[in-house]
Amino acid sequence: MKETRILGLLIRDRIKEAGQTQKILGKYAHVISTRLGFHELNDNACSRAGIILLQLTGHTEDWTNFEHEISAIEGIELQKMSFTY
């Protein structure tokens, strides 16, 4: 059976959390097959909050380690969906 996992990360303060978040995303780049980021933007300002959607690939042990490390960052909320087929 194969599993696909989609993660949603809510980053409450992109400016404050960006460095540590990028470090962990880079460390686990080998298990991230798709990455999509959203944040509100207008003529006057860029939102401090943002959402990143990730599709994971590779070994599920790496997924678990990634989820644990990224969740440990204060100001990040993780939600996940898993599909088996």
C-alpha atoms as a PDB file:
ATOM      1  CA  MET A   1       0.000   0.000   0.000  1.00  0.00           C
ATOM      2  CA  LYS A   2       1.235   3.494  -0.858  1.00  0.00           C
ATOM      3  CA  GLU A   3       0.708   6.630   1.217  1.00  0.00           C
ATOM      4  CA  THR A   4       0.680  10.272   0.202  1.00  0.00           C
ATOM      5  CA  ARG A   5       0.833  12.868   2.961  1.00  0.00           C
ATOM      6  CA  ILE A   6      -0.117  16.522   2.621  1.00  0.00           C
ATOM      7  CA  LEU A   7       0.913  18.951   5.372  1.00  0.00           C
ATOM      8  CA  GLY A   8      -0.418  22.418   6.000  1.00  0.00           C
ATOM      9  CA  LEU A   9       1.724  24.781   8.046  1.00  0.00           C
ATOM     10  CA  LEU A  10       0.283  27.978   9.487  1.00  0.00           C
ATOM     11  CA  ILE A  11       3.142  30.331  10.266  1.00  0.00           C
ATOM     12  CA  ARG A  12       1.813  33.002  12.581  1.00  0.00           C
ATOM     13  CA  ASP A  13       4.779  35.389  12.173  1.00  0.00           C
ATOM     14  CA  ARG A  14       6.726  34.846   8.933  1.00  0.00           C
ATOM     15  CA  ILE A  15       9.367  37.414   9.860  1.00  0.00           C
ATOM     16  CA  LYS A  16      10.081  35.879  13.253  1.00  0.00           C
ATOM     17  CA  GLU A  17       9.862  32.204  12.234  1.00  0.00           C
ATOM     18  CA  ALA A  18      11.358  32.336   8.707  1.00  0.00           C
ATOM     19  CA  GLY A  19      14.961  31.452   9.527  1.00  0.00           C
ATOM     20  CA  GLN A  20      14.274  28.380  11.620  1.00  0.00           C
ATOM     21  CA  THR A  21      11.464  27.243   9.305  1.00  0.00           C
ATOM     22  CA  GLN A  22      13.682  27.511   6.205  1.00  0.00           C
ATOM     23  CA  LYS A  23      16.459  25.603   7.975  1.00  0.00           C
ATOM     24  CA  ILE A  24      14.182  22.642   8.712  1.00  0.00           C
ATOM     25  CA  LEU A  25      12.562  22.757   5.251  1.00  0.00           C
ATOM     26  CA  GLY A  26      16.057  22.612   3.740  1.00  0.00           C
ATOM     27  CA  LYS A  27      17.118  19.747   6.004  1.00  0.00           C
ATOM     28  CA  TYR A  28      14.118  17.697   4.846  1.00  0.00           C
ATOM     29  CA  ALA A  29      14.040  18.847   1.205  1.00  0.00           C
ATOM     30  CA  HIS A  30      14.603  15.228   0.131  1.00  0.00           C
ATOM     31  CA  VAL A  31      11.084  14.289   1.353  1.00  0.00           C
ATOM     32  CA  ILE A  32       9.255  17.374   0.017  1.00  0.00           C
ATOM     33  CA  SER A  33       8.004  16.789  -3.520  1.00  0.00           C
ATOM     34  CA  THR A  34       5.709  19.836  -3.711  1.00  0.00           C
ATOM     35  CA  ARG A  35       5.812  23.110  -1.777  1.00  0.00           C
ATOM     36  CA  LEU A  36       3.293  25.932  -2.151  1.00  0.00           C
ATOM     37  CA  GLY A  37       3.241  29.089  -0.054  1.00  0.00           C
ATOM     38  CA  PHE A  38       0.505  31.659   0.495  1.00  0.00           C
ATOM     39  CA  HIS A  39       0.432  35.003   2.257  1.00  0.00           C
ATOM     40  CA  GLU A  40      -1.759  38.064   1.911  1.00  0.00           C
ATOM     41  CA  LEU A  41      -0.274  40.917  -0.076  1.00  0.00           C
ATOM     42  CA  ASN A  42      -1.659  44.347  -0.869  1.00  0.00           C
ATOM     43  CA  ASP A  43      -0.303  47.722  -2.021  1.00  0.00           C
ATOM     44  CA  ASN A  44       0.668  48.794   1.489  1.00  0.00           C
ATOM     45  CA  ALA A  45       1.901  45.719   3.296  1.00  0.00           C
ATOM     46  CA  CYS A  46       2.669  42.032   3.274  1.00  0.00           C
ATOM     47  CA  SER A  47       0.925  39.837   5.853  1.00  0.00           C
ATOM     48  CA  ARG A  48       3.076  38.507   8.679  1.00  0.00           C
ATOM     49  CA  ALA A  49       1.106  35.235   8.706  1.00  0.00           C
ATOM     50  CA  GLY A  50       1.442  32.668   5.960  1.00  0.00           C
ATOM     51  CA  ILE A  51       0.518  29.139   4.971  1.00  0.00           C
ATOM     52  CA  ILE A  52       2.757  26.529   3.380  1.00  0.00           C
ATOM     53  CA  LEU A  53       1.328  23.372   1.795  1.00  0.00           C
ATOM     54  CA  LEU A  54       3.687  20.420   1.393  1.00  0.00           C
ATOM     55  CA  GLN A  55       3.379  17.063  -0.346  1.00  0.00           C
ATOM     56  CA  LEU A  56       5.748  14.531   1.192  1.00  0.00           C
ATOM     57  CA  THR A  57       7.492  11.638  -0.521  1.00  0.00           C
ATOM     58  CA  GLY A  58      10.091   9.101   0.558  1.00  0.00           C
ATOM     59  CA  HIS A  59      10.316   7.280   3.879  1.00  0.00           C
ATOM     60  CA  THR A  60       7.576   7.747   6.458  1.00  0.00           C
ATOM     61  CA  GLU A  61      10.181   7.790   9.255  1.00  0.00           C
ATOM     62  CA  ASP A  62      11.564  10.992   7.721  1.00  0.00           C
ATOM     63  CA  TRP A  63       8.032  12.417   7.577  1.00  0.00           C
ATOM     64  CA  THR A  64       7.588  11.794  11.290  1.00  0.00           C
ATOM     65  CA  ASN A  65      10.949  13.383  12.121  1.00  0.00           C
ATOM     66  CA  PHE A  66      10.152  16.414   9.948  1.00  0.00           C
ATOM     67  CA  GLU A  67       6.711  16.852  11.528  1.00  0.00           C
ATOM     68  CA  HIS A  68       8.217  16.668  15.017  1.00  0.00           C
ATOM     69  CA  GLU A  69      10.939  19.246  14.265  1.00  0.00           C
ATOM     70  CA  ILE A  70       8.714  21.732  12.428  1.00  0.00           C
ATOM     71  CA  SER A  71       6.012  21.494  15.115  1.00  0.00           C
ATOM     72  CA  ALA A  72       8.585  22.350  17.775  1.00  0.00           C
ATOM     73  CA  ILE A  73       8.913  25.873  16.344  1.00  0.00           C
ATOM     74  CA  GLU A  74       6.823  28.241  18.412  1.00  0.00           C
ATOM     75  CA  GLY A  75       4.246  29.977  16.245  1.00  0.00           C
ATOM     76  CA  ILE A  76       3.728  27.132  13.767  1.00  0.00           C
ATOM     77  CA  GLU A  77       0.568  25.050  13.591  1.00  0.00           C
ATOM     78  CA  LEU A  78       0.679  21.797  11.602  1.00  0.00           C
ATOM     79  CA  GLN A  79      -2.299  20.021  10.056  1.00  0.00           C
ATOM     80  CA  LYS A  80      -2.031  16.872   7.952  1.00  0.00           C
ATOM     81  CA  MET A  81      -3.943  14.697   5.520  1.00  0.00           C
ATOM     82  CA  SER A  82      -2.936  11.143   4.637  1.00  0.00           C
ATOM     83  CA  PHE A  83      -4.149   9.171   1.671  1.00  0.00           C
ATOM     84  CA  THR A  84      -3.478   5.447   1.244  1.00  0.00           C
ATOM     85  CA  TYR A  85      -4.074   3.567  -1.974  1.00  0.00           C
END
